[in-house]
Amino acid sequence: MSKYKDNYDQITWDRSRYSAAKPARQQRANSAYVQGDYKAYECPITGDIIDGRKAHKQNLEKHGCRVHEKGEFEDVKKYGRKRHDEAIDRAVDQAVQQMAHEIDW
């Protein structure tokens, strides 16, 4: 090991051995894309077992639901409580105004 410490500056490196040749651009095959089916799960609304993509799509349509967009779930976690509290405040304000209006009559 000590021999390498002493003559490191004298070693000539052949970099061509280490540079990887760039591969030719790969062609994509034109073929059908096969996607796996969904695992069975319990519908949070009805408790029914939903098994597969078709049943999942039908269940969403049946209940007027949709799949979350990318990043939407994080927004709900981040801002959901604030929006919920604001909605409650608005509902309380409306109820108070309505009661005050009924008392004035």
C-alpha atoms as a PDB file:
ATOM      1  CA  MET A   1       0.000   0.000   0.000  1.00  0.00           C
ATOM      2  CA  SER A   2       2.848   2.397   0.732  1.00  0.00           C
ATOM      3  CA  LYS A   3       4.109   2.091  -2.871  1.00  0.00           C
ATOM      4  CA  TYR A   4       0.953   3.796  -4.126  1.00  0.00           C
ATOM      5  CA  LYS A   5       1.257   6.691  -1.723  1.00  0.00           C
ATOM      6  CA  ASP A   6       4.721   7.491  -3.011  1.00  0.00           C
ATOM      7  CA  ASN A   7       4.151   7.268  -6.765  1.00  0.00           C
ATOM      8  CA  TYR A   8       0.531   8.416  -7.121  1.00  0.00           C
ATOM      9  CA  ASP A   9       1.514  11.466  -9.205  1.00  0.00           C
ATOM     10  CA  GLN A  10       3.420   9.268 -11.655  1.00  0.00           C
ATOM     11  CA  ILE A  11       0.504   6.992 -12.492  1.00  0.00           C
ATOM     12  CA  THR A  12      -1.088   7.624 -15.898  1.00  0.00           C
ATOM     13  CA  TRP A  13      -4.755   6.964 -16.006  1.00  0.00           C
ATOM     14  CA  ASP A  14      -6.446   5.595 -19.115  1.00  0.00           C
ATOM     15  CA  ARG A  15      -9.848   7.299 -18.834  1.00  0.00           C
ATOM     16  CA  SER A  16     -11.172   5.711 -22.023  1.00  0.00           C
ATOM     17  CA  ARG A  17     -11.562   2.455 -20.146  1.00  0.00           C
ATOM     18  CA  TYR A  18     -13.841   4.085 -17.605  1.00  0.00           C
ATOM     19  CA  SER A  19     -16.030   6.278 -19.755  1.00  0.00           C
ATOM     20  CA  ALA A  20     -19.214   4.470 -20.570  1.00  0.00           C
ATOM     21  CA  ALA A  21     -20.246   4.433 -24.179  1.00  0.00           C
ATOM     22  CA  LYS A  22     -23.555   6.178 -24.719  1.00  0.00           C
ATOM     23  CA  PRO A  23     -26.226   3.660 -25.631  1.00  0.00           C
ATOM     24  CA  ALA A  24     -28.183   4.127 -28.817  1.00  0.00           C
ATOM     25  CA  ARG A  25     -31.628   5.623 -28.345  1.00  0.00           C
ATOM     26  CA  GLN A  26     -33.982   2.865 -27.358  1.00  0.00           C
ATOM     27  CA  GLN A  27     -37.115   2.322 -29.358  1.00  0.00           C
ATOM     28  CA  ARG A  28     -40.375   1.775 -27.500  1.00  0.00           C
ATOM     29  CA  ALA A  29     -42.459  -1.114 -28.637  1.00  0.00           C
ATOM     30  CA  ASN A  30     -46.005  -0.289 -29.660  1.00  0.00           C
ATOM     31  CA  SER A  31     -48.010  -2.671 -27.564  1.00  0.00           C
ATOM     32  CA  ALA A  32     -50.956  -2.718 -25.219  1.00  0.00           C
ATOM     33  CA  TYR A  33     -50.448  -1.469 -21.678  1.00  0.00           C
ATOM     34  CA  VAL A  34     -51.705  -3.898 -19.054  1.00  0.00           C
ATOM     35  CA  GLN A  35     -52.598  -2.407 -15.709  1.00  0.00           C
ATOM     36  CA  GLY A  36     -53.400  -4.438 -12.611  1.00  0.00           C
ATOM     37  CA  ASP A  37     -56.819  -4.475 -10.990  1.00  0.00           C
ATOM     38  CA  TYR A  38     -57.667  -2.775  -7.671  1.00  0.00           C
ATOM     39  CA  LYS A  39     -57.631  -4.810  -4.486  1.00  0.00           C
ATOM     40  CA  ALA A  40     -61.002  -5.307  -2.851  1.00  0.00           C
ATOM     41  CA  TYR A  41     -61.911  -2.683  -0.243  1.00  0.00           C
ATOM     42  CA  GLU A  42     -64.884  -1.673   1.872  1.00  0.00           C
ATOM     43  CA  CYS A  43     -66.874   1.328   0.700  1.00  0.00           C
ATOM     44  CA  PRO A  44     -66.670   3.963   3.461  1.00  0.00           C
ATOM     45  CA  ILE A  45     -70.217   5.155   2.677  1.00  0.00           C
ATOM     46  CA  THR A  46     -72.227   1.922   2.497  1.00  0.00           C
ATOM     47  CA  GLY A  47     -69.848  -0.732   3.826  1.00  0.00           C
ATOM     48  CA  ASP A  48     -70.207  -2.790   0.629  1.00  0.00           C
ATOM     49  CA  ILE A  49     -67.168  -4.644  -0.715  1.00  0.00           C
ATOM     50  CA  ILE A  50     -65.838  -3.008  -3.886  1.00  0.00           C
ATOM     51  CA  ASP A  51     -63.754  -5.380  -5.985  1.00  0.00           C
ATOM     52  CA  GLY A  52     -61.973  -4.158  -9.113  1.00  0.00           C
ATOM     53  CA  ARG A  53     -61.750  -1.085 -11.301  1.00  0.00           C
ATOM     54  CA  LYS A  54     -65.211  -1.343 -12.800  1.00  0.00           C
ATOM     55  CA  ALA A  55     -66.904  -1.676  -9.413  1.00  0.00           C
ATOM     56  CA  HIS A  56     -64.773   1.196  -8.090  1.00  0.00           C
ATOM     57  CA  LYS A  57     -65.817   3.482 -10.950  1.00  0.00           C
ATOM     58  CA  GLN A  58     -69.485   2.537 -10.580  1.00  0.00           C
ATOM     59  CA  ASN A  59     -69.357   3.115  -6.830  1.00  0.00           C
ATOM     60  CA  LEU A  60     -67.835   6.581  -7.269  1.00  0.00           C
ATOM     61  CA  GLU A  61     -70.539   7.534  -9.793  1.00  0.00           C
ATOM     62  CA  LYS A  62     -73.306   6.095  -7.611  1.00  0.00           C
ATOM     63  CA  HIS A  63     -72.350   8.297  -4.651  1.00  0.00           C
ATOM     64  CA  GLY A  64     -71.304  11.384  -6.625  1.00  0.00           C
ATOM     65  CA  CYS A  65     -67.663  11.040  -5.578  1.00  0.00           C
ATOM     66  CA  ARG A  66     -64.390  11.363  -7.449  1.00  0.00           C
ATOM     67  CA  VAL A  67     -60.730  10.439  -7.024  1.00  0.00           C
ATOM     68  CA  HIS A  68     -58.548  13.108  -5.401  1.00  0.00           C
ATOM     69  CA  GLU A  69     -56.256  15.054  -7.718  1.00  0.00           C
ATOM     70  CA  LYS A  70     -52.524  15.007  -7.091  1.00  0.00           C
ATOM     71  CA  GLY A  71     -51.733  17.175  -4.062  1.00  0.00           C
ATOM     72  CA  GLU A  72     -55.382  17.640  -3.147  1.00  0.00           C
ATOM     73  CA  PHE A  73     -55.237  15.295  -0.168  1.00  0.00           C
ATOM     74  CA  GLU A  74     -52.299  17.238   1.272  1.00  0.00           C
ATOM     75  CA  ASP A  75     -54.291  20.465   0.891  1.00  0.00           C
ATOM     76  CA  VAL A  76     -57.200  18.922   2.776  1.00  0.00           C
ATOM     77  CA  LYS A  77     -54.904  17.887   5.601  1.00  0.00           C
ATOM     78  CA  LYS A  78     -53.255  21.315   5.661  1.00  0.00           C
ATOM     79  CA  TYR A  79     -56.272  23.599   5.265  1.00  0.00           C
ATOM     80  CA  GLY A  80     -59.230  21.328   6.063  1.00  0.00           C
ATOM     81  CA  ARG A  81     -59.596  22.257   9.731  1.00  0.00           C
ATOM     82  CA  LYS A  82     -59.382  25.975   8.978  1.00  0.00           C
ATOM     83  CA  ARG A  83     -62.057  25.741   6.272  1.00  0.00           C
ATOM     84  CA  HIS A  84     -64.242  23.598   8.533  1.00  0.00           C
ATOM     85  CA  ASP A  85     -64.002  26.165  11.349  1.00  0.00           C
ATOM     86  CA  GLU A  86     -64.779  29.011   8.932  1.00  0.00           C
ATOM     87  CA  ALA A  87     -67.860  27.149   7.654  1.00  0.00           C
ATOM     88  CA  ILE A  88     -69.098  26.641  11.226  1.00  0.00           C
ATOM     89  CA  ASP A  89     -68.530  30.325  12.016  1.00  0.00           C
ATOM     90  CA  ARG A  90     -70.561  31.342   8.940  1.00  0.00           C
ATOM     91  CA  ALA A  91     -73.390  28.970   9.909  1.00  0.00           C
ATOM     92  CA  VAL A  92     -73.475  30.318  13.465  1.00  0.00           C
ATOM     93  CA  ASP A  93     -73.486  33.916  12.201  1.00  0.00           C
ATOM     94  CA  GLN A  94     -76.406  33.168   9.865  1.00  0.00           C
ATOM     95  CA  ALA A  95     -78.348  31.447  12.647  1.00  0.00           C
ATOM     96  CA  VAL A  96     -77.783  34.397  14.996  1.00  0.00           C
ATOM     97  CA  GLN A  97     -78.889  36.898  12.359  1.00  0.00           C
ATOM     98  CA  GLN A  98     -82.001  34.868  11.607  1.00  0.00           C
ATOM     99  CA  MET A  99     -82.905  34.612  15.297  1.00  0.00           C
ATOM    100  CA  ALA A 100     -82.289  38.347  15.779  1.00  0.00           C
ATOM    101  CA  HIS A 101     -84.513  39.087  12.792  1.00  0.00           C
ATOM    102  CA  GLU A 102     -87.309  36.883  14.207  1.00  0.00           C
ATOM    103  CA  ILE A 103     -87.070  38.604  17.601  1.00  0.00           C
ATOM    104  CA  ASP A 104     -87.418  42.053  16.018  1.00  0.00           C
ATOM    105  CA  TRP A 105     -90.773  41.166  14.474  1.00  0.00           C
END
